[in-house]
Amino acid sequence: MTDVVLAPRNAFVGVFVVWGVAFAASIAVGVFVPEAWRVSWMLVVFGALVLLSFAVQLWYGSAQGFIFRVACSVMGALLLTGIIAVGFGLAALIPA
């Protein structure tokens, strides 16, 4: 017998949290890390975001749609991190 959930939590809040952390961490790396180390630190940030995505979705505690939510979190984080990295890369090409 299954328990009836009267007001389930929104499963995609965790996805948006990971995207927000991806945005903030990528901007922080672009601002505070020297140009020579940005790519390396972006990879470190993305690895941490993958782990955060798993942790957030495991914390939610629902097996239904787990892989879809983790995939959305990771792909969104990858796109955000990549777009921000491209922006900082293009900004580095402009002479000061």
PDB file of N, CA and C in Angstrom:
ATOM      1  N   MET A   1       0.840  -1.163   0.000  1.00  0.00           N
ATOM      2  CA  MET A   1       0.000   0.000   0.000  1.00  0.00           C
ATOM      3  C   MET A   1       0.896   1.241   0.000  1.00  0.00           C
ATOM      4  N   THR A   2       0.534   2.206  -0.767  1.00  0.00           N
ATOM      5  CA  THR A   2       1.332   3.428  -0.860  1.00  0.00           C
ATOM      6  C   THR A   2       0.688   4.545  -0.059  1.00  0.00           C
ATOM      7  N   ASP A   3       1.513   5.450   0.394  1.00  0.00           N
ATOM      8  CA  ASP A   3       1.018   6.616   1.117  1.00  0.00           C
ATOM      9  C   ASP A   3       0.591   7.679   0.124  1.00  0.00           C
ATOM     10  N   VAL A   4      -0.503   8.318   0.416  1.00  0.00           N
ATOM     11  CA  VAL A   4      -0.980   9.405  -0.428  1.00  0.00           C
ATOM     12  C   VAL A   4      -0.299  10.691   0.000  1.00  0.00           C
ATOM     13  N   VAL A   5       0.315  11.358  -0.952  1.00  0.00           N
ATOM     14  CA  VAL A   5       0.970  12.630  -0.667  1.00  0.00           C
ATOM     15  C   VAL A   5      -0.019  13.731  -0.998  1.00  0.00           C
ATOM     16  N   LEU A   6      -0.418  14.488   0.007  1.00  0.00           N
ATOM     17  CA  LEU A   6      -1.433  15.506  -0.202  1.00  0.00           C
ATOM     18  C   LEU A   6      -0.876  16.741  -0.908  1.00  0.00           C
ATOM     19  N   ALA A   7       0.273  17.178  -0.493  1.00  0.00           N
ATOM     20  CA  ALA A   7       0.882  18.371  -1.091  1.00  0.00           C
ATOM     21  C   ALA A   7       2.357  18.098  -1.336  1.00  0.00           C
ATOM     22  N   PRO A   8       2.674  17.433  -2.453  1.00  0.00           N
ATOM     23  CA  PRO A   8       4.085  17.118  -2.695  1.00  0.00           C
ATOM     24  C   PRO A   8       4.888  18.379  -2.999  1.00  0.00           C
ATOM     25  N   ARG A   9       6.154  18.314  -2.629  1.00  0.00           N
ATOM     26  CA  ARG A   9       7.054  19.421  -2.931  1.00  0.00           C
ATOM     27  C   ARG A   9       7.322  19.467  -4.431  1.00  0.00           C
ATOM     28  N   ASN A  10       7.628  20.642  -4.914  1.00  0.00           N
ATOM     29  CA  ASN A  10       7.971  20.779  -6.324  1.00  0.00           C
ATOM     30  C   ASN A  10       9.340  20.159  -6.555  1.00  0.00           C
ATOM     31  N   ALA A  11       9.399  19.183  -7.444  1.00  0.00           N
ATOM     32  CA  ALA A  11      10.635  18.442  -7.679  1.00  0.00           C
ATOM     33  C   ALA A  11      11.679  19.273  -8.403  1.00  0.00           C
ATOM     34  N   PHE A  12      11.265  20.324  -9.106  1.00  0.00           N
ATOM     35  CA  PHE A  12      12.207  21.083  -9.914  1.00  0.00           C
ATOM     36  C   PHE A  12      12.809  22.274  -9.185  1.00  0.00           C
ATOM     37  N   VAL A  13      12.485  22.454  -7.928  1.00  0.00           N
ATOM     38  CA  VAL A  13      13.132  23.512  -7.147  1.00  0.00           C
ATOM     39  C   VAL A  13      14.619  23.215  -7.024  1.00  0.00           C
ATOM     40  N   GLY A  14      14.959  21.945  -6.832  1.00  0.00           N
ATOM     41  CA  GLY A  14      16.362  21.545  -6.748  1.00  0.00           C
ATOM     42  C   GLY A  14      17.120  21.809  -8.033  1.00  0.00           C
ATOM     43  N   VAL A  15      16.454  21.670  -9.166  1.00  0.00           N
ATOM     44  CA  VAL A  15      17.083  21.958 -10.458  1.00  0.00           C
ATOM     45  C   VAL A  15      17.440  23.437 -10.531  1.00  0.00           C
ATOM     46  N   PHE A  16      16.498  24.291 -10.132  1.00  0.00           N
ATOM     47  CA  PHE A  16      16.742  25.731 -10.174  1.00  0.00           C
ATOM     48  C   PHE A  16      17.798  26.164  -9.164  1.00  0.00           C
ATOM     49  N   VAL A  17      17.873  25.468  -8.042  1.00  0.00           N
ATOM     50  CA  VAL A  17      18.918  25.767  -7.057  1.00  0.00           C
ATOM     51  C   VAL A  17      20.298  25.482  -7.638  1.00  0.00           C
ATOM     52  N   VAL A  18      20.437  24.351  -8.298  1.00  0.00           N
ATOM     53  CA  VAL A  18      21.727  23.998  -8.913  1.00  0.00           C
ATOM     54  C   VAL A  18      22.082  24.999  -9.998  1.00  0.00           C
ATOM     55  N   TRP A  19      21.101  25.436 -10.779  1.00  0.00           N
ATOM     56  CA  TRP A  19      21.369  26.437 -11.814  1.00  0.00           C
ATOM     57  C   TRP A  19      21.816  27.762 -11.196  1.00  0.00           C
ATOM     58  N   GLY A  20      21.197  28.148 -10.099  1.00  0.00           N
ATOM     59  CA  GLY A  20      21.594  29.386  -9.417  1.00  0.00           C
ATOM     60  C   GLY A  20      23.012  29.308  -8.875  1.00  0.00           C
ATOM     61  N   VAL A  21      23.354  28.158  -8.285  1.00  0.00           N
ATOM     62  CA  VAL A  21      24.714  27.966  -7.787  1.00  0.00           C
ATOM     63  C   VAL A  21      25.700  27.955  -8.944  1.00  0.00           C
ATOM     64  N   ALA A  22      25.311  27.362 -10.074  1.00  0.00           N
ATOM     65  CA  ALA A  22      26.184  27.347 -11.259  1.00  0.00           C
ATOM     66  C   ALA A  22      26.463  28.757 -11.740  1.00  0.00           C
ATOM     67  N   PHE A  23      25.429  29.582 -11.792  1.00  0.00           N
ATOM     68  CA  PHE A  23      25.597  30.958 -12.227  1.00  0.00           C
ATOM     69  C   PHE A  23      26.518  31.720 -11.281  1.00  0.00           C
ATOM     70  N   ALA A  24      26.246  31.625  -9.984  1.00  0.00           N
ATOM     71  CA  ALA A  24      27.037  32.370  -8.997  1.00  0.00           C
ATOM     72  C   ALA A  24      28.494  31.894  -8.967  1.00  0.00           C
ATOM     73  N   ALA A  25      28.707  30.582  -9.011  1.00  0.00           N
ATOM     74  CA  ALA A  25      30.069  30.051  -8.953  1.00  0.00           C
ATOM     75  C   ALA A  25      30.854  30.398 -10.212  1.00  0.00           C
ATOM     76  N   SER A  26      30.209  30.367 -11.368  1.00  0.00           N
ATOM     77  CA  SER A  26      30.906  30.699 -12.614  1.00  0.00           C
ATOM     78  C   SER A  26      31.304  32.172 -12.657  1.00  0.00           C
ATOM     79  N   ILE A  27      30.413  33.034 -12.209  1.00  0.00           N
ATOM     80  CA  ILE A  27      30.746  34.456 -12.141  1.00  0.00           C
ATOM     81  C   ILE A  27      31.882  34.689 -11.141  1.00  0.00           C
ATOM     82  N   ALA A  28      31.835  34.001 -10.002  1.00  0.00           N
ATOM     83  CA  ALA A  28      32.894  34.156  -8.996  1.00  0.00           C
ATOM     84  C   ALA A  28      34.244  33.705  -9.550  1.00  0.00           C
ATOM     85  N   VAL A  29      34.267  32.601 -10.281  1.00  0.00           N
ATOM     86  CA  VAL A  29      35.524  32.140 -10.883  1.00  0.00           C
ATOM     87  C   VAL A  29      36.016  33.157 -11.900  1.00  0.00           C
ATOM     88  N   GLY A  30      35.132  33.680 -12.714  1.00  0.00           N
ATOM     89  CA  GLY A  30      35.536  34.652 -13.731  1.00  0.00           C
ATOM     90  C   GLY A  30      36.068  35.937 -13.145  1.00  0.00           C
ATOM     91  N   VAL A  31      35.567  36.317 -11.986  1.00  0.00           N
ATOM     92  CA  VAL A  31      35.982  37.583 -11.379  1.00  0.00           C
ATOM     93  C   VAL A  31      37.231  37.423 -10.517  1.00  0.00           C
ATOM     94  N   PHE A  32      37.310  36.351  -9.744  1.00  0.00           N
ATOM     95  CA  PHE A  32      38.364  36.234  -8.735  1.00  0.00           C
ATOM     96  C   PHE A  32      39.565  35.383  -9.134  1.00  0.00           C
ATOM     97  N   VAL A  33      39.463  34.607 -10.199  1.00  0.00           N
ATOM     98  CA  VAL A  33      40.561  33.719 -10.595  1.00  0.00           C
ATOM     99  C   VAL A  33      41.319  34.350 -11.753  1.00  0.00           C
ATOM    100  N   PRO A  34      42.651  34.288 -11.739  1.00  0.00           N
ATOM    101  CA  PRO A  34      43.436  34.827 -12.860  1.00  0.00           C
ATOM    102  C   PRO A  34      43.117  34.097 -14.164  1.00  0.00           C
ATOM    103  N   GLU A  35      43.335  34.789 -15.283  1.00  0.00           N
ATOM    104  CA  GLU A  35      42.975  34.242 -16.592  1.00  0.00           C
ATOM    105  C   GLU A  35      43.635  32.896 -16.882  1.00  0.00           C
ATOM    106  N   ALA A  36      44.840  32.706 -16.437  1.00  0.00           N
ATOM    107  CA  ALA A  36      45.557  31.469 -16.732  1.00  0.00           C
ATOM    108  C   ALA A  36      44.920  30.252 -16.058  1.00  0.00           C
ATOM    109  N   TRP A  37      44.186  30.449 -14.975  1.00  0.00           N
ATOM    110  CA  TRP A  37      43.611  29.339 -14.213  1.00  0.00           C
ATOM    111  C   TRP A  37      42.094  29.213 -14.361  1.00  0.00           C
ATOM    112  N   ARG A  38      41.469  30.055 -15.163  1.00  0.00           N
ATOM    113  CA  ARG A  38      39.995  30.053 -15.244  1.00  0.00           C
ATOM    114  C   ARG A  38      39.425  28.750 -15.764  1.00  0.00           C
ATOM    115  N   VAL A  39      39.997  28.200 -16.815  1.00  0.00           N
ATOM    116  CA  VAL A  39      39.452  26.972 -17.400  1.00  0.00           C
ATOM    117  C   VAL A  39      39.538  25.828 -16.398  1.00  0.00           C
ATOM    118  N   SER A  40      40.653  25.730 -15.707  1.00  0.00           N
ATOM    119  CA  SER A  40      40.811  24.671 -14.707  1.00  0.00           C
ATOM    120  C   SER A  40      39.788  24.810 -13.594  1.00  0.00           C
ATOM    121  N   TRP A  41      39.588  26.021 -13.134  1.00  0.00           N
ATOM    122  CA  TRP A  41      38.633  26.232 -12.048  1.00  0.00           C
ATOM    123  C   TRP A  41      37.196  26.066 -12.515  1.00  0.00           C
ATOM    124  N   MET A  42      36.905  26.374 -13.772  1.00  0.00           N
ATOM    125  CA  MET A  42      35.565  26.119 -14.295  1.00  0.00           C
ATOM    126  C   MET A  42      35.265  24.620 -14.299  1.00  0.00           C
ATOM    127  N   LEU A  43      36.269  23.805 -14.617  1.00  0.00           N
ATOM    128  CA  LEU A  43      36.087  22.355 -14.565  1.00  0.00           C
ATOM    129  C   LEU A  43      35.851  21.875 -13.139  1.00  0.00           C
ATOM    130  N   VAL A  44      36.565  22.453 -12.189  1.00  0.00           N
ATOM    131  CA  VAL A  44      36.361  22.105 -10.780  1.00  0.00           C
ATOM    132  C   VAL A  44      34.946  22.487 -10.346  1.00  0.00           C
ATOM    133  N   VAL A  45      34.502  23.664 -10.747  1.00  0.00           N
ATOM    134  CA  VAL A  45      33.149  24.116 -10.418  1.00  0.00           C
ATOM    135  C   VAL A  45      32.113  23.183 -11.028  1.00  0.00           C
ATOM    136  N   PHE A  46      32.305  22.781 -12.283  1.00  0.00           N
ATOM    137  CA  PHE A  46      31.332  21.888 -12.910  1.00  0.00           C
ATOM    138  C   PHE A  46      31.291  20.530 -12.209  1.00  0.00           C
ATOM    139  N   GLY A  47      32.433  20.012 -11.820  1.00  0.00           N
ATOM    140  CA  GLY A  47      32.452  18.746 -11.074  1.00  0.00           C
ATOM    141  C   GLY A  47      31.701  18.864  -9.758  1.00  0.00           C
ATOM    142  N   ALA A  48      31.891  19.971  -9.064  1.00  0.00           N
ATOM    143  CA  ALA A  48      31.166  20.199  -7.816  1.00  0.00           C
ATOM    144  C   ALA A  48      29.668  20.332  -8.074  1.00  0.00           C
ATOM    145  N   LEU A  49      29.297  20.917  -9.197  1.00  0.00           N
ATOM    146  CA  LEU A  49      27.878  21.061  -9.527  1.00  0.00           C
ATOM    147  C   LEU A  49      27.228  19.717  -9.826  1.00  0.00           C
ATOM    148  N   VAL A  50      27.956  18.811 -10.447  1.00  0.00           N
ATOM    149  CA  VAL A  50      27.422  17.470 -10.692  1.00  0.00           C
ATOM    150  C   VAL A  50      27.158  16.773  -9.357  1.00  0.00           C
ATOM    151  N   LEU A  51      28.105  16.879  -8.437  1.00  0.00           N
ATOM    152  CA  LEU A  51      27.915  16.276  -7.116  1.00  0.00           C
ATOM    153  C   LEU A  51      26.767  16.949  -6.365  1.00  0.00           C
ATOM    154  N   LEU A  52      26.669  18.268  -6.465  1.00  0.00           N
ATOM    155  CA  LEU A  52      25.570  18.991  -5.827  1.00  0.00           C
ATOM    156  C   LEU A  52      24.230  18.573  -6.410  1.00  0.00           C
ATOM    157  N   SER A  53      24.192  18.358  -7.707  1.00  0.00           N
ATOM    158  CA  SER A  53      22.953  17.933  -8.357  1.00  0.00           C
ATOM    159  C   SER A  53      22.479  16.594  -7.805  1.00  0.00           C
ATOM    160  N   PHE A  54      23.392  15.641  -7.691  1.00  0.00           N
ATOM    161  CA  PHE A  54      23.024  14.355  -7.100  1.00  0.00           C
ATOM    162  C   PHE A  54      22.572  14.518  -5.653  1.00  0.00           C
ATOM    163  N   ALA A  55      23.284  15.314  -4.890  1.00  0.00           N
ATOM    164  CA  ALA A  55      22.940  15.486  -3.478  1.00  0.00           C
ATOM    165  C   ALA A  55      21.565  16.119  -3.310  1.00  0.00           C
ATOM    166  N   VAL A  56      21.269  17.125  -4.096  1.00  0.00           N
ATOM    167  CA  VAL A  56      19.973  17.802  -3.984  1.00  0.00           C
ATOM    168  C   VAL A  56      18.840  16.861  -4.377  1.00  0.00           C
ATOM    169  N   GLN A  57      19.017  16.103  -5.427  1.00  0.00           N
ATOM    170  CA  GLN A  57      17.945  15.212  -5.861  1.00  0.00           C
ATOM    171  C   GLN A  57      17.797  14.005  -4.942  1.00  0.00           C
ATOM    172  N   LEU A  58      18.874  13.557  -4.332  1.00  0.00           N
ATOM    173  CA  LEU A  58      18.750  12.492  -3.330  1.00  0.00           C
ATOM    174  C   LEU A  58      18.069  13.011  -2.073  1.00  0.00           C
ATOM    175  N   TRP A  59      18.328  14.269  -1.736  1.00  0.00           N
ATOM    176  CA  TRP A  59      17.687  14.866  -0.572  1.00  0.00           C
ATOM    177  C   TRP A  59      16.178  14.973  -0.782  1.00  0.00           C
ATOM    178  N   TYR A  60      15.755  15.203  -2.014  1.00  0.00           N
ATOM    179  CA  TYR A  60      14.329  15.304  -2.308  1.00  0.00           C
ATOM    180  C   TYR A  60      13.608  14.019  -1.944  1.00  0.00           C
ATOM    181  N   GLY A  61      14.237  12.884  -2.188  1.00  0.00           N
ATOM    182  CA  GLY A  61      13.720  11.612  -1.707  1.00  0.00           C
ATOM    183  C   GLY A  61      12.675  10.949  -2.580  1.00  0.00           C
ATOM    184  N   SER A  62      12.568  11.296  -3.827  1.00  0.00           N
ATOM    185  CA  SER A  62      11.604  10.658  -4.715  1.00  0.00           C
ATOM    186  C   SER A  62      12.348   9.981  -5.857  1.00  0.00           C
ATOM    187  N   ALA A  63      12.035   8.709  -6.061  1.00  0.00           N
ATOM    188  CA  ALA A  63      12.704   7.968  -7.130  1.00  0.00           C
ATOM    189  C   ALA A  63      12.098   8.273  -8.492  1.00  0.00           C
ATOM    190  N   GLN A  64      10.861   8.686  -8.521  1.00  0.00           N
ATOM    191  CA  GLN A  64      10.190   8.952  -9.790  1.00  0.00           C
ATOM    192  C   GLN A  64      10.748  10.222 -10.428  1.00  0.00           C
ATOM    193  N   GLY A  65      11.319  10.075 -11.615  1.00  0.00           N
ATOM    194  CA  GLY A  65      11.876  11.204 -12.344  1.00  0.00           C
ATOM    195  C   GLY A  65      13.262  11.618 -11.883  1.00  0.00           C
ATOM    196  N   PHE A  66      13.929  10.790 -11.093  1.00  0.00           N
ATOM    197  CA  PHE A  66      15.247  11.139 -10.546  1.00  0.00           C
ATOM    198  C   PHE A  66      16.252  11.418 -11.656  1.00  0.00           C
ATOM    199  N   ILE A  67      16.340  10.526 -12.622  1.00  0.00           N
ATOM    200  CA  ILE A  67      17.343  10.676 -13.680  1.00  0.00           C
ATOM    201  C   ILE A  67      17.039  11.901 -14.532  1.00  0.00           C
ATOM    202  N   PHE A  68      15.767  12.164 -14.795  1.00  0.00           N
ATOM    203  CA  PHE A  68      15.392  13.339 -15.575  1.00  0.00           C
ATOM    204  C   PHE A  68      15.767  14.617 -14.832  1.00  0.00           C
ATOM    205  N   ARG A  69      15.514  14.678 -13.537  1.00  0.00           N
ATOM    206  CA  ARG A  69      15.848  15.878 -12.760  1.00  0.00           C
ATOM    207  C   ARG A  69      17.352  16.079 -12.659  1.00  0.00           C
ATOM    208  N   VAL A  70      18.102  15.008 -12.469  1.00  0.00           N
ATOM    209  CA  VAL A  70      19.566  15.128 -12.416  1.00  0.00           C
ATOM    210  C   VAL A  70      20.102  15.562 -13.774  1.00  0.00           C
ATOM    211  N   ALA A  71      19.555  14.998 -14.846  1.00  0.00           N
ATOM    212  CA  ALA A  71      20.004  15.386 -16.194  1.00  0.00           C
ATOM    213  C   ALA A  71      19.699  16.851 -16.469  1.00  0.00           C
ATOM    214  N   CYS A  72      18.515  17.318 -16.058  1.00  0.00           N
ATOM    215  CA  CYS A  72      18.176  18.737 -16.246  1.00  0.00           C
ATOM    216  C   CYS A  72      19.115  19.626 -15.446  1.00  0.00           C
ATOM    217  N   SER A  73      19.419  19.221 -14.222  1.00  0.00           N
ATOM    218  CA  SER A  73      20.330  20.012 -13.395  1.00  0.00           C
ATOM    219  C   SER A  73      21.716  20.096 -14.011  1.00  0.00           C
ATOM    220  N   VAL A  74      22.240  18.957 -14.428  1.00  0.00           N
ATOM    221  CA  VAL A  74      23.603  18.905 -14.952  1.00  0.00           C
ATOM    222  C   VAL A  74      23.696  19.609 -16.306  1.00  0.00           C
ATOM    223  N   MET A  75      22.727  19.393 -17.178  1.00  0.00           N
ATOM    224  CA  MET A  75      22.786  20.037 -18.493  1.00  0.00           C
ATOM    225  C   MET A  75      22.608  21.549 -18.378  1.00  0.00           C
ATOM    226  N   GLY A  76      21.728  21.989 -17.506  1.00  0.00           N
ATOM    227  CA  GLY A  76      21.573  23.429 -17.292  1.00  0.00           C
ATOM    228  C   GLY A  76      22.826  24.049 -16.712  1.00  0.00           C
ATOM    229  N   ALA A  77      23.445  23.342 -15.757  1.00  0.00           N
ATOM    230  CA  ALA A  77      24.688  23.839 -15.168  1.00  0.00           C
ATOM    231  C   ALA A  77      25.799  23.878 -16.204  1.00  0.00           C
ATOM    232  N   LEU A  78      25.850  22.863 -17.076  1.00  0.00           N
ATOM    233  CA  LEU A  78      26.863  22.843 -18.131  1.00  0.00           C
ATOM    234  C   LEU A  78      26.674  24.007 -19.096  1.00  0.00           C
ATOM    235  N   LEU A  79      25.439  24.256 -19.494  1.00  0.00           N
ATOM    236  CA  LEU A  79      25.172  25.365 -20.409  1.00  0.00           C
ATOM    237  C   LEU A  79      25.491  26.719 -19.769  1.00  0.00           C
ATOM    238  N   LEU A  80      25.070  26.916 -18.534  1.00  0.00           N
ATOM    239  CA  LEU A  80      25.360  28.185 -17.855  1.00  0.00           C
ATOM    240  C   LEU A  80      26.859  28.397 -17.687  1.00  0.00           C
ATOM    241  N   THR A  81      27.542  27.360 -17.222  1.00  0.00           N
ATOM    242  CA  THR A  81      28.981  27.471 -17.021  1.00  0.00           C
ATOM    243  C   THR A  81      29.690  27.726 -18.350  1.00  0.00           C
ATOM    244  N   GLY A  82      29.263  27.029 -19.404  1.00  0.00           N
ATOM    245  CA  GLY A  82      29.887  27.202 -20.710  1.00  0.00           C
ATOM    246  C   GLY A  82      29.654  28.579 -21.301  1.00  0.00           C
ATOM    247  N   ILE A  83      28.428  29.080 -21.203  1.00  0.00           N
ATOM    248  CA  ILE A  83      28.126  30.408 -21.742  1.00  0.00           C
ATOM    249  C   ILE A  83      28.892  31.491 -20.999  1.00  0.00           C
ATOM    250  N   ILE A  84      28.959  31.363 -19.683  1.00  0.00           N
ATOM    251  CA  ILE A  84      29.701  32.357 -18.897  1.00  0.00           C
ATOM    252  C   ILE A  84      31.191  32.264 -19.197  1.00  0.00           C
ATOM    253  N   ALA A  85      31.721  31.046 -19.362  1.00  0.00           N
ATOM    254  CA  ALA A  85      33.135  30.880 -19.696  1.00  0.00           C
ATOM    255  C   ALA A  85      33.450  31.476 -21.070  1.00  0.00           C
ATOM    256  N   VAL A  86      32.557  31.293 -22.032  1.00  0.00           N
ATOM    257  CA  VAL A  86      32.751  31.891 -23.346  1.00  0.00           C
ATOM    258  C   VAL A  86      32.749  33.417 -23.237  1.00  0.00           C
ATOM    259  N   GLY A  87      31.848  33.953 -22.425  1.00  0.00           N
ATOM    260  CA  GLY A  87      31.807  35.399 -22.222  1.00  0.00           C
ATOM    261  C   GLY A  87      33.091  35.945 -21.642  1.00  0.00           C
ATOM    262  N   PHE A  88      33.609  35.263 -20.626  1.00  0.00           N
ATOM    263  CA  PHE A  88      34.880  35.714 -20.044  1.00  0.00           C
ATOM    264  C   PHE A  88      36.043  35.496 -21.001  1.00  0.00           C
ATOM    265  N   GLY A  89      35.978  34.436 -21.823  1.00  0.00           N
ATOM    266  CA  GLY A  89      37.019  34.220 -22.825  1.00  0.00           C
ATOM    267  C   GLY A  89      37.038  35.308 -23.879  1.00  0.00           C
ATOM    268  N   LEU A  90      35.855  35.701 -24.336  1.00  0.00           N
ATOM    269  CA  LEU A  90      35.797  36.791 -25.313  1.00  0.00           C
ATOM    270  C   LEU A  90      36.214  38.114 -24.703  1.00  0.00           C
ATOM    271  N   ALA A  91      35.883  38.326 -23.447  1.00  0.00           N
ATOM    272  CA  ALA A  91      36.299  39.553 -22.771  1.00  0.00           C
ATOM    273  C   ALA A  91      37.815  39.585 -22.607  1.00  0.00           C
ATOM    274  N   ALA A  92      38.456  38.437 -22.474  1.00  0.00           N
ATOM    275  CA  ALA A  92      39.902  38.403 -22.334  1.00  0.00           C
ATOM    276  C   ALA A  92      40.608  38.757 -23.643  1.00  0.00           C
ATOM    277  N   LEU A  93      39.927  38.601 -24.771  1.00  0.00           N
ATOM    278  CA  LEU A  93      40.525  38.919 -26.069  1.00  0.00           C
ATOM    279  C   LEU A  93      40.592  40.426 -26.322  1.00  0.00           C
ATOM    280  N   ILE A  94      39.748  41.172 -25.649  1.00  0.00           N
ATOM    281  CA  ILE A  94      39.723  42.624 -25.840  1.00  0.00           C
ATOM    282  C   ILE A  94      40.916  43.230 -25.110  1.00  0.00           C
ATOM    283  N   PRO A  95      41.756  43.972 -25.817  1.00  0.00           N
ATOM    284  CA  PRO A  95      42.914  44.565 -25.157  1.00  0.00           C
ATOM    285  C   PRO A  95      42.493  45.639 -24.148  1.00  0.00           C
ATOM    286  N   ALA A  96      43.205  45.682 -23.067  1.00  0.00           N
ATOM    287  CA  ALA A  96      42.878  46.649 -22.014  1.00  0.00           C
ATOM    288  C   ALA A  96      43.591  47.957 -22.209  1.00  0.00           C
TER     289      ALA A  96
END
